[in-house]
Protein backbone atom coordinates (compact mmCIF):
# COMPACT_ATOMS: atom_id res chain seq x y z
CA UNK A 1 40.45 21.45 -47.47
CA UNK A 2 36.60 21.40 -48.63
CA UNK A 3 36.53 17.75 -49.35
CA UNK A 4 37.99 17.51 -45.33
CA UNK A 5 35.19 20.34 -44.20
CA UNK A 6 32.30 17.78 -46.41
CA UNK A 7 34.07 15.03 -44.46
CA UNK A 8 33.49 17.02 -40.91
CA UNK A 9 30.06 18.31 -41.99
CA UNK A 10 29.00 14.54 -42.91
CA UNK A 11 30.07 13.11 -39.95
CA UNK A 12 28.58 15.87 -37.90
CA UNK A 13 25.44 14.96 -39.29
CA UNK A 14 25.58 11.15 -39.05
CA UNK A 15 26.35 11.94 -35.31
CA UNK A 16 23.15 14.24 -35.01
CA UNK A 17 21.18 11.74 -36.70
CA UNK A 18 22.35 8.92 -34.72
CA UNK A 19 21.69 11.36 -31.38
CA UNK A 20 17.86 12.16 -32.70
CA UNK A 21 17.57 8.54 -33.77
CA UNK A 22 18.20 7.52 -29.58
CA UNK A 23 16.29 10.02 -28.09
CA UNK A 24 13.38 8.86 -29.88
CA UNK A 25 14.00 5.35 -29.28
CA UNK A 26 15.05 4.76 -26.06
CA UNK A 27 18.05 2.41 -26.72
CA UNK A 28 21.67 2.58 -27.87
CA UNK A 29 24.89 0.31 -27.19
CA UNK A 30 25.81 2.01 -24.37
CA UNK A 31 22.39 1.50 -22.30
CA UNK A 32 22.54 -2.56 -23.11
CA UNK A 33 25.70 -2.11 -21.54
CA UNK A 34 24.55 -0.63 -18.37
CA UNK A 35 22.71 -4.06 -17.83
CA UNK A 36 25.61 -5.88 -17.14
CA UNK A 37 27.69 -3.50 -15.12
CA UNK A 38 26.48 -4.86 -11.84
CA UNK A 39 27.15 -8.42 -10.93
CA UNK A 40 24.46 -7.96 -7.96
CA UNK A 41 27.65 -8.87 -5.36
CA UNK A 42 28.14 -5.76 -3.82
CA UNK A 43 28.28 -4.69 -0.33
CA UNK A 44 24.74 -4.11 0.78
CA UNK A 45 23.43 -5.66 -2.48
CA UNK A 46 19.42 -6.28 -2.26
CA UNK A 47 19.06 -9.79 -3.47
CA UNK A 48 15.44 -10.16 -3.98
CA UNK A 49 13.81 -6.66 -4.71
CA UNK A 50 14.64 -4.58 -7.52
CA UNK A 51 17.52 -1.98 -7.57
CA UNK A 52 19.27 -0.76 -10.56
CA UNK A 53 22.64 -1.93 -11.96
CA UNK A 54 24.61 1.43 -11.23
CA UNK A 55 23.94 4.78 -10.46
CA UNK A 56 21.08 6.80 -9.06
CA UNK A 57 16.98 5.53 -8.74
CA UNK A 58 14.28 6.92 -6.88
CA UNK A 59 10.55 7.02 -7.26
CA UNK A 60 8.79 4.23 -9.29
CA UNK A 61 7.31 5.64 -12.37
CA UNK A 62 4.90 4.27 -15.08
CA UNK A 63 3.84 0.96 -13.46
CA UNK A 64 1.55 -0.76 -15.79
CA UNK A 65 0.67 -4.30 -17.00
CA UNK A 66 0.80 -5.20 -20.97
CA UNK A 67 0.18 -8.68 -22.66
CA UNK A 68 1.88 -10.58 -19.94
CA UNK A 69 4.58 -8.07 -19.08
CA UNK A 70 4.61 -5.94 -15.82
CA UNK A 71 6.52 -2.71 -16.45
CA UNK A 72 8.66 -0.46 -13.67
CA UNK A 73 9.92 2.77 -14.78
CA UNK A 74 11.89 4.72 -12.31
CA UNK A 75 13.69 7.91 -12.10
CA UNK A 76 17.34 7.49 -12.99
CA UNK A 77 20.40 9.55 -13.54
CA UNK A 78 23.10 7.61 -15.19
CA UNK A 79 25.67 10.01 -14.47
CA UNK A 80 25.71 9.85 -10.60
CA UNK A 81 25.34 7.82 -7.74
CA UNK A 82 23.74 11.64 -6.30
CA UNK A 83 20.30 13.18 -8.18
CA UNK A 84 20.88 14.77 -11.27
CA UNK A 85 18.99 15.23 -14.74
CA UNK A 86 16.22 12.42 -14.48
CA UNK A 87 15.83 10.19 -16.87
CA UNK A 88 13.09 6.93 -16.88
CA UNK A 89 15.22 3.74 -16.03
CA UNK A 90 13.51 0.90 -16.99
CA UNK A 91 13.09 -2.98 -16.14
CA UNK A 92 10.58 -5.79 -16.64
CA UNK A 93 9.42 -8.93 -15.31
CA UNK A 94 6.73 -11.50 -15.75
CA UNK A 95 6.16 -12.47 -12.21
CA UNK A 96 6.53 -9.16 -10.14
CA UNK A 97 9.58 -11.06 -8.58
CA UNK A 98 12.25 -11.73 -11.27
CA UNK A 99 13.06 -8.68 -13.10
CA UNK A 100 15.20 -8.41 -16.26
CA UNK A 101 16.83 -4.70 -16.85
CA UNK A 102 16.19 -2.90 -19.90
CA UNK A 103 17.55 0.49 -21.65
CA UNK A 104 16.60 3.55 -20.41
CA UNK A 105 12.98 4.47 -21.73
CA UNK A 106 13.05 8.57 -22.01
CA UNK A 107 15.88 11.39 -21.76
CA UNK A 108 15.60 14.90 -21.46
CA UNK A 109 14.89 16.85 -23.43
CA UNK A 110 14.69 20.65 -24.77
CA UNK A 111 11.94 21.11 -22.55
CA UNK A 112 13.64 19.56 -19.25
CA UNK A 113 14.76 16.42 -16.82
CA UNK A 114 12.33 13.47 -17.29
CA UNK A 115 10.61 13.92 -13.79
CA UNK A 116 7.50 11.55 -12.17
CA UNK A 117 4.56 10.54 -13.68
CA UNK A 118 2.33 6.99 -15.02
CA UNK A 119 1.47 5.03 -18.07
CA UNK A 120 -1.81 3.29 -19.54
CA UNK A 121 -3.06 1.14 -22.32
CA UNK A 122 -4.44 2.99 -24.94
CA UNK A 123 -6.84 -0.21 -25.40
CA UNK A 124 -9.04 2.09 -27.93
CA UNK A 125 -6.55 3.91 -29.63
CA UNK A 126 -7.78 7.12 -28.33
CA UNK A 127 -4.68 9.05 -28.65
CA UNK A 128 -4.15 7.85 -32.28
CA UNK A 129 -0.93 7.10 -32.08
CA UNK A 130 -1.10 3.37 -32.39
CA UNK A 131 -4.51 1.13 -34.22
CA UNK A 132 -6.93 -0.63 -32.52
CA UNK A 133 -5.16 -3.76 -33.36
CA UNK A 134 -1.84 -2.58 -31.96
CA UNK A 135 -3.02 0.00 -29.48
CA UNK A 136 0.26 1.98 -27.71
CA UNK A 137 1.41 2.53 -24.31
CA UNK A 138 1.04 5.83 -22.92
CA UNK A 139 3.24 7.66 -21.01
CA UNK A 140 2.68 10.75 -19.38
CA UNK A 141 5.28 12.52 -17.33
CA UNK A 142 6.49 15.98 -15.35
CA UNK A 143 8.53 18.19 -17.53
CA UNK A 144 11.40 20.11 -15.55
CA UNK A 145 13.52 23.15 -17.08
CA UNK A 146 16.54 23.69 -15.49
CA UNK A 147 16.80 26.70 -17.58
CA UNK A 148 13.72 28.14 -16.20
CA UNK A 149 14.49 27.33 -12.44
CA UNK A 150 18.06 28.99 -13.33
CA UNK A 151 16.03 32.43 -14.63
CA UNK A 152 13.97 32.86 -11.46
CA UNK A 153 10.92 31.08 -12.87
CA UNK A 154 7.64 29.79 -11.53
CA UNK A 155 6.19 27.66 -14.51
CA UNK A 156 9.46 25.18 -14.90
CA UNK A 157 7.28 22.45 -14.53
CA UNK A 158 4.95 21.41 -17.43
CA UNK A 159 3.24 17.50 -18.92
CA UNK A 160 4.27 16.37 -21.72
CA UNK A 161 3.12 12.79 -22.64
CA UNK A 162 5.07 9.95 -25.04
CA UNK A 163 4.37 6.85 -26.83
CA UNK A 164 5.57 2.98 -27.40
CA UNK A 165 4.21 0.66 -30.21
CA UNK A 166 6.25 -2.53 -28.68
CA UNK A 167 5.31 -2.68 -25.95
CA UNK A 168 8.01 -0.32 -24.03
CA UNK A 169 10.86 -1.45 -25.48
CA UNK A 170 10.97 2.21 -27.73
CA UNK A 171 8.95 5.61 -27.41
CA UNK A 172 8.54 8.35 -28.92
CA UNK A 173 7.35 11.49 -27.71
CA UNK A 174 4.66 13.64 -28.83
CA UNK A 175 5.77 16.52 -30.86
CA UNK A 176 2.93 18.98 -29.60
CA UNK A 177 4.41 18.45 -25.66
CA UNK A 178 4.04 19.94 -23.73
CA UNK A 179 -0.12 18.98 -23.12
CA UNK A 180 -0.77 20.35 -19.83
CA UNK A 181 1.59 23.99 -19.44
CA UNK A 182 1.99 25.79 -16.52
CA UNK A 183 0.86 29.11 -14.93
CA UNK A 184 3.27 29.68 -12.50
CA UNK A 185 3.05 26.93 -10.26
CA UNK A 186 6.28 26.28 -8.37
CA UNK A 187 6.02 22.37 -7.91
CA UNK A 188 3.15 21.21 -10.39
CA UNK A 189 4.40 17.04 -11.30
CA UNK A 190 3.44 13.50 -10.88
CA UNK A 191 0.79 13.05 -13.32
CA UNK A 192 -1.14 9.52 -12.48
CA UNK A 193 -3.60 8.56 -15.12
CA UNK A 194 -6.27 5.95 -15.50
CA UNK A 195 -9.48 5.34 -17.66
CA UNK A 196 -12.70 5.86 -15.88
CA UNK A 197 -15.25 3.25 -17.12
CA UNK A 198 -18.50 5.09 -16.27
CA UNK A 199 -17.52 8.43 -17.74
CA UNK A 200 -15.76 7.07 -20.92
CA UNK A 201 -12.67 9.63 -19.70
CA UNK A 202 -9.06 9.35 -19.01
CA UNK A 203 -9.01 11.27 -15.49
CA UNK A 204 -6.06 12.67 -15.01
CA UNK A 205 -4.47 13.87 -11.00
CA UNK A 206 -1.36 15.61 -10.46
CA UNK A 207 -0.01 17.61 -7.27
CA UNK A 208 0.27 21.73 -7.39
CA UNK A 209 2.40 22.21 -3.95
CA UNK A 210 -0.05 21.73 -0.96
CA UNK A 211 -3.06 20.13 -3.04
CA UNK A 212 -4.01 17.32 -5.71
CA UNK A 213 -5.81 18.95 -9.56
CA UNK A 214 -7.91 16.60 -11.25
CA UNK A 215 -8.19 16.59 -15.09
CA UNK A 216 -10.42 14.86 -17.85
CA UNK A 217 -9.47 14.09 -21.33
CA UNK A 218 -10.92 11.84 -23.83
CA UNK A 219 -7.48 11.59 -26.05
CA UNK A 220 -4.74 11.96 -23.60
CA UNK A 221 -3.23 15.01 -25.10
CA UNK A 222 -5.93 17.60 -24.27
CA UNK A 223 -7.16 18.32 -20.45
CA UNK A 224 -9.29 20.06 -18.83
CA UNK A 225 -9.19 20.97 -15.29
CA UNK A 226 -11.83 19.88 -13.13
CA UNK A 227 -11.02 20.14 -9.55
CA UNK A 228 -9.28 20.39 -6.54
CA UNK A 229 -8.24 18.71 -3.48
CA UNK A 230 -6.62 18.94 -0.11
CA UNK A 231 -5.69 22.72 0.97
CA UNK A 232 -6.86 22.32 4.37
CA UNK A 233 -6.80 18.63 4.63
CA UNK A 234 -4.30 16.20 5.77
CA UNK A 235 -0.39 16.70 6.02
CA UNK A 236 0.89 19.68 5.43
CA UNK A 237 4.32 20.04 6.55
CA UNK A 238 6.38 19.28 3.08
CA UNK A 239 5.35 19.53 -0.84
CA UNK A 240 2.61 16.89 -1.70
CA UNK A 241 3.91 14.09 -4.35
CA UNK A 242 3.40 11.13 -6.70
CA UNK A 243 -0.47 10.96 -6.03
CA UNK A 244 -2.08 7.78 -7.06
CA UNK A 245 -6.24 7.25 -7.05
CA UNK A 246 -8.30 4.18 -7.05
CA UNK A 247 -11.21 1.85 -6.77
CA UNK A 248 -11.03 -0.74 -4.14
CA UNK A 249 -14.16 -2.54 -2.28
CA UNK A 250 -14.48 -3.10 1.01
CA UNK A 251 -12.97 -6.23 2.08
CA UNK A 252 -15.35 -6.83 4.74
CA UNK A 253 -18.15 -5.13 3.83
CA UNK A 254 -20.58 -4.69 0.77
CA UNK A 255 -19.01 -1.47 -0.53
CA UNK A 256 -16.60 0.66 -2.67
CA UNK A 257 -14.78 3.50 -2.07
CA UNK A 258 -11.70 5.59 -3.49
CA UNK A 259 -8.59 5.49 -1.88
CA UNK A 260 -6.19 8.80 -2.45
CA UNK A 261 -2.39 8.33 -2.02
CA UNK A 262 -0.33 11.55 -1.80
CA UNK A 263 3.49 11.57 -0.43
CA UNK A 264 4.89 14.36 1.30
CA UNK A 265 8.31 15.59 2.03
CA UNK A 266 9.44 16.64 3.60
CA UNK A 267 6.62 16.04 6.95
CA UNK A 268 6.53 12.89 7.33
CA UNK A 269 6.34 10.75 10.33
CA UNK A 270 10.20 10.07 10.95
CA UNK A 271 11.27 13.63 9.18
CA UNK A 272 11.12 13.78 5.58
CA UNK A 273 9.78 11.66 3.56
CA UNK A 274 6.07 9.79 3.78
CA UNK A 275 2.88 8.67 1.94
CA UNK A 276 -0.54 9.43 3.12
CA UNK A 277 -3.60 8.65 2.11
CA UNK A 278 -7.39 9.20 2.04
CA UNK A 279 -10.61 6.93 2.15
CA UNK A 280 -13.73 8.53 0.31
CA UNK A 281 -15.87 9.36 -2.61
CA UNK A 282 -14.98 10.37 -6.70
CA UNK A 283 -17.34 11.08 -8.69
CA UNK A 284 -15.26 11.29 -12.22
CA UNK A 285 -14.52 15.14 -11.05
CA UNK A 286 -14.27 15.28 -7.58
CA UNK A 287 -12.82 13.61 -4.87
CA UNK A 288 -14.23 14.15 -1.18
CA UNK A 289 -13.98 12.54 2.48
CA UNK A 290 -14.82 12.46 6.00
CA UNK A 291 -11.43 11.20 7.08
CA UNK A 292 -10.24 13.64 10.26
CA UNK A 293 -6.85 11.83 10.51
CA UNK A 294 -3.78 11.77 8.99
CA UNK A 295 -3.52 7.88 7.84
CA UNK A 296 -0.35 6.65 6.94
CA UNK A 297 0.21 4.05 4.29
CA UNK A 298 3.52 2.59 6.08
CA UNK A 299 4.92 3.57 9.40
CA UNK A 300 8.62 2.90 8.61
CA UNK A 301 11.02 5.53 7.76
CA UNK A 302 11.91 4.00 4.10
CA UNK A 303 8.84 4.20 1.85
CA UNK A 304 8.20 6.80 -0.13
CA UNK A 305 7.03 7.76 -3.86
CA UNK A 306 4.94 4.52 -4.22
CA UNK A 307 2.62 4.24 -6.72
CA UNK A 308 0.03 1.26 -7.82
CA UNK A 309 0.27 -0.15 -11.39
CA UNK A 310 -2.25 0.25 -14.11
CA UNK A 311 -3.73 -2.76 -15.74
CA UNK A 312 -2.81 -5.01 -13.56
CA UNK A 313 -4.73 -9.16 -14.01
CA UNK A 314 -7.98 -9.79 -11.75
CA UNK A 315 -8.09 -6.00 -10.72
CA UNK A 316 -5.98 -6.13 -8.48
CA UNK A 317 -3.86 -3.60 -6.69
CA UNK A 318 -0.11 -3.76 -6.88
CA UNK A 319 1.92 -1.50 -5.18
CA UNK A 320 5.70 -0.33 -4.92
CA UNK A 321 7.65 2.37 -3.43
CA UNK A 322 10.78 3.59 -3.22
CA UNK A 323 12.92 2.17 -0.42
CA UNK A 324 14.59 5.23 1.21
CA UNK A 325 13.99 8.95 2.69
CA UNK A 326 15.34 11.93 1.28
CA UNK A 327 16.94 12.67 4.58
CA UNK A 328 19.58 10.16 3.78
CA UNK A 329 18.80 8.89 0.44
CA UNK A 330 22.19 10.53 -1.50
CA UNK A 331 24.47 9.65 1.35
CA UNK A 332 23.53 6.18 2.12
CA UNK A 333 27.35 4.08 2.00
CA UNK A 334 26.83 2.22 -1.05
CA UNK A 335 29.18 3.02 -4.10
CA UNK A 336 27.90 1.22 -7.38
CA UNK A 337 23.87 2.25 -6.93
CA UNK A 338 22.19 3.85 -5.07
CA UNK A 339 18.04 3.13 -3.73
CA UNK A 340 16.34 -0.40 -4.15
CA UNK A 341 11.77 -0.30 -4.79
CA UNK A 342 10.29 -2.11 -1.74
CA UNK A 343 8.51 -5.84 -2.35
CA UNK A 344 5.61 -5.60 -4.46
CA UNK A 345 2.87 -5.42 -2.66
CA UNK A 346 -1.15 -6.14 -2.70
CA UNK A 347 -3.18 -3.03 -1.45
CA UNK A 348 -6.82 -3.93 0.50
CA UNK A 349 -9.45 -1.79 2.08
CA UNK A 350 -11.56 -2.89 5.57
CA UNK A 351 -13.37 -0.57 8.13
CA UNK A 352 -13.72 -1.05 11.61
CA UNK A 353 -15.38 0.57 14.88
CA UNK A 354 -12.40 3.34 13.75
CA UNK A 355 -13.08 4.03 10.14
CA UNK A 356 -11.33 2.85 7.32
CA UNK A 357 -7.87 1.76 6.85
CA UNK A 358 -5.68 -0.56 4.73
CA UNK A 359 -3.67 -2.87 4.63
CA UNK A 360 -0.57 -3.79 2.07
CA UNK A 361 1.25 -6.50 2.54
CA UNK A 362 3.31 -9.21 -0.23
CA UNK A 363 2.09 -10.56 -3.24
CA UNK A 364 1.63 -14.30 -2.69
CA UNK A 365 4.08 -15.47 -5.03
CA UNK A 366 7.19 -14.20 -3.32
CA UNK A 367 7.10 -17.68 -1.56
CA UNK A 368 8.41 -19.22 -4.51
CA UNK A 369 11.43 -17.64 -3.95
CA UNK A 370 12.52 -19.59 -0.83
CA UNK A 371 15.09 -21.82 -0.66
CA UNK A 372 14.77 -23.63 2.47
CA UNK A 373 13.20 -23.65 5.53
CA UNK A 374 15.40 -23.36 9.12
CA UNK A 375 14.02 -26.15 11.66
CA UNK A 376 13.40 -23.89 14.15
CA UNK A 377 10.22 -25.27 16.82
CA UNK A 378 6.85 -24.40 15.41
CA UNK A 379 6.40 -23.04 19.14
CA UNK A 380 8.61 -20.90 21.14
CA UNK A 381 7.67 -19.94 24.62
CA UNK A 382 9.06 -16.70 25.67
CA UNK A 383 9.13 -16.92 29.41
CA UNK A 384 12.92 -16.95 29.00
CA UNK A 385 14.59 -15.11 26.11
CA UNK A 386 15.01 -17.15 23.18
CA UNK A 387 17.96 -17.17 20.99
CA UNK A 388 18.21 -18.48 17.67
CA UNK A 389 21.37 -18.84 15.22
CA UNK A 390 21.93 -18.81 11.21
CA UNK A 391 24.78 -18.59 8.88
CA UNK A 392 22.92 -15.41 7.21
CA UNK A 393 19.46 -13.54 9.10
CA UNK A 394 20.13 -11.09 5.72
CA UNK A 395 18.33 -12.81 3.33
CA UNK A 396 15.36 -14.73 5.08
CA UNK A 397 11.21 -14.47 5.37
CA UNK A 398 10.07 -14.85 8.97
CA UNK A 399 6.48 -15.47 9.88
CA UNK A 400 4.69 -16.30 13.30
CA UNK A 401 1.10 -15.76 15.10
CA UNK A 402 0.73 -14.10 18.66
CA UNK A 403 -1.64 -12.48 20.37
CA UNK A 404 -1.30 -8.89 19.75
CA UNK A 405 -1.77 -7.96 23.19
CA UNK A 406 1.35 -9.47 24.70
CA UNK A 407 4.85 -7.60 24.59
CA UNK A 408 7.53 -9.18 22.30
CA UNK A 409 11.05 -7.83 21.30
CA UNK A 410 13.21 -9.39 18.42
CA UNK A 411 17.10 -8.49 18.35
CA UNK A 412 18.77 -9.06 14.77
CA UNK A 413 22.56 -9.07 15.88
CA UNK A 414 26.33 -10.13 14.07
CA UNK A 415 29.56 -10.65 15.90
CA UNK A 416 30.28 -7.35 15.78
CA UNK A 417 27.21 -6.94 17.98
CA UNK A 418 25.63 -4.56 15.39
CA UNK A 419 22.00 -4.78 16.16
CA UNK A 420 18.70 -3.96 14.77
CA UNK A 421 15.50 -4.14 17.42
CA UNK A 422 12.37 -4.56 16.15
CA UNK A 423 9.16 -4.05 19.78
CA UNK A 424 5.95 -4.46 19.92
CA UNK A 425 5.18 -2.77 23.51
CA UNK A 426 1.64 -3.50 24.35
CA UNK A 427 1.91 -1.27 27.38
CA UNK A 428 2.40 1.92 25.86
CA UNK A 429 0.93 0.72 22.44
CA UNK A 430 3.74 1.46 20.10
CA UNK A 431 5.46 -0.59 17.28
CA UNK A 432 9.61 0.62 17.89
CA UNK A 433 12.60 0.19 15.58
CA UNK A 434 15.89 1.00 16.82
CA UNK A 435 18.71 1.12 14.48
CA UNK A 436 20.90 3.52 16.41
CA UNK A 437 23.69 0.30 16.19
CA UNK A 438 22.27 -1.17 13.56
CA UNK A 439 25.71 -1.15 11.10
CA UNK A 440 26.97 2.03 9.51
CA UNK A 441 25.02 4.74 10.29
CA UNK A 442 27.35 8.08 10.52
CA UNK A 443 26.96 8.91 7.14
CA UNK A 444 24.14 11.17 7.97
CA UNK A 445 23.08 12.97 11.43
CA UNK A 446 19.15 11.65 11.18
CA UNK A 447 20.19 8.61 10.25
CA UNK A 448 20.47 6.44 13.13
CA UNK A 449 18.08 8.47 15.43
CA UNK A 450 15.11 9.75 13.37
CA UNK A 451 12.39 6.42 14.23
CA UNK A 452 10.11 7.30 15.91
CA UNK A 453 7.77 4.86 17.90
CA UNK A 454 4.34 4.38 15.89
CA UNK A 455 1.07 3.59 17.93
CA UNK A 456 -0.79 0.68 17.35
CA UNK A 457 -3.83 -0.85 18.83
CA UNK A 458 -2.85 -3.79 20.57
CA UNK A 459 -6.11 -5.46 20.82
CA UNK A 460 -6.79 -8.85 22.15
CA UNK A 461 -6.39 -11.37 18.64
CA UNK A 462 -4.21 -13.69 17.31
CA UNK A 463 -2.51 -12.49 14.11
CA UNK A 464 0.23 -12.76 11.68
CA UNK A 465 3.27 -10.98 12.44
CA UNK A 466 6.25 -11.31 9.95
CA UNK A 467 9.72 -10.17 8.99
CA UNK A 468 11.30 -9.71 5.44
CA UNK A 469 14.80 -8.84 5.42
CA UNK A 470 17.32 -8.32 2.66
CA UNK A 471 20.73 -7.47 3.07
CA UNK A 472 20.00 -3.40 3.89
CA UNK A 473 16.06 -3.77 4.62
CA UNK A 474 13.47 -5.03 6.46
CA UNK A 475 10.39 -5.17 5.80
CA UNK A 476 7.68 -5.53 8.74
CA UNK A 477 4.34 -6.60 8.39
CA UNK A 478 1.58 -7.15 11.42
CA UNK A 479 -1.27 -8.34 10.90
CA UNK A 480 -1.13 -8.88 7.26
CA UNK A 481 -0.17 -5.01 6.97
CA UNK A 482 -2.09 -3.35 8.87
CA UNK A 483 0.50 -2.11 10.52
CA UNK A 484 3.25 -2.10 8.11
CA UNK A 485 7.42 -0.72 8.88
CA UNK A 486 9.92 -0.57 5.99
CA UNK A 487 13.34 0.70 6.96
CA UNK A 488 16.88 0.21 5.54
CA UNK A 489 20.01 -0.43 7.56
CA UNK A 490 23.49 -1.32 6.53
CA UNK A 491 24.84 -3.45 8.81
CA UNK A 492 29.01 -4.37 7.92
CA UNK A 493 28.73 -8.22 8.14
CA UNK A 494 25.76 -10.24 8.09
CA UNK A 495 23.33 -10.95 11.19
CA UNK A 496 23.93 -14.22 12.25
CA UNK A 497 21.51 -14.43 15.78
CA UNK A 498 18.28 -13.34 16.34
CA UNK A 499 17.04 -12.82 19.84
CA UNK A 500 13.68 -12.85 21.26
CA UNK A 501 12.09 -11.51 24.08
CA UNK A 502 8.64 -10.99 25.88
CA UNK A 503 7.95 -9.35 28.85
CA UNK A 504 4.33 -11.28 29.13
CA UNK A 505 5.60 -14.80 28.49
CA UNK A 506 4.27 -14.28 24.67
CA UNK A 507 4.10 -17.60 22.96
CA UNK A 508 5.05 -17.80 19.01
CA UNK A 509 3.02 -20.41 17.57
CA UNK A 510 3.42 -21.48 13.80
CA UNK A 511 7.17 -20.43 13.94
CA UNK A 512 8.88 -20.29 10.29
CA UNK A 513 11.91 -18.91 9.06
CA UNK A 514 12.55 -19.41 5.24
CA UNK A 515 15.45 -18.88 3.82
CA UNK A 516 14.78 -16.65 0.11
CA UNK A 517 16.96 -17.26 -2.61
CA UNK A 518 18.46 -14.35 -5.06
CA UNK A 519 16.86 -13.37 -7.95
CA UNK A 520 20.05 -11.74 -9.40
CA UNK A 521 22.44 -14.70 -8.24
CA UNK A 522 22.26 -18.68 -8.65
CA UNK A 523 24.51 -19.68 -6.24
CA UNK A 524 23.02 -17.30 -3.39
């Protein structure tokens, strides 16, 4: 009997050690298996956007570039296709186009779930976790304690860090977590960290319900609160989330400005989720702006919680967002996985007589996925309606030039008469999306009707209009992303026709329809 008890005890200790090691290194055979669970051929599965092999995904996290690798971490629940105890999922890319699924990076622990955050390369080893020859990657994230929530506490969210010495393959959590405690704020989360050259310090911005907080650190472990922003400015229809702060040159000028991204849910443009931005000044401690109006990064219903890459080559500001909306994200009609990310986009800052504005536009090398070009006319005169046929308008990149002061309507439809309609209505100065009959819509009461017309300036100028369609999403970019609209839809079969109409006899020039290859399946 004693021998049996000893065997049981040893087995327990071995299993315990294995579990602790798995928690520390964030790798296991089960995780590796998850990368091959799906063949990415399911109905509605995006073919050139990132989506997880299986289960639930939301916010992008920890976007950082290091040693030739772009890291994409994300909010992940490996137990179901609805939100649950959050982990950090992980994928990597060498070109931001093709993605390799990796084992789970961070697991929940005694301090709570692993909510959203960011990652940096600690080049000088200020944290002491690595060496100058092998500087660590540092991830900073929010701990969310469900136990404290159940007790009714308001201090259930704190900030923790972890480090990696092998370029993100394995992670070790800091033994003295949390590094920022909570003195009673209900929503206190989503840290974005970056290095400030002039101050020679780390800057942290996180959100606390209805405003942002700014911190300083010399070592990524000890933080001091310096300022707050936003209680009386911007959209406040819901909780502020997923901040980002970065400096950009003004493309058509000689100045530089700071851009602050703040996601909000609810209270977005179409109800539910959306991302607003502010353009202003940041002196290393305080962010200020003269902006009085509310500016939205994307005018569609399905681009949320996006952040930009730290340490990207050539100082590019590259953005990825979560392509969904909390109104219906947990109810969309997918069965193996839930949610996808937007295409990576380059963000640039411009100004005109109305002030500063952002353009966000797909990265240049997306065109490397073109498999063939449809041989339609390079010029389409819409004195009469024009209908184009294709075996598949659900994996295409369509672009053309047109006068922005003219009217235009594009209607994608299939043999079941499911239709997705995009209209540029110059008479009402509105961009309109209609997905009421786009396919499956009855899984949630708001999905078919929540998209509202969005304002634009129909000035007399020739601009590019671009529509990228991937199975269950459409990303639209007008004037190189001055107006971006991202929306998801669920047609029960591929769109096979495109009808173009105009009340203004609009002429489309340089008209191109490029088929886009799958990044997951060679045969597509």
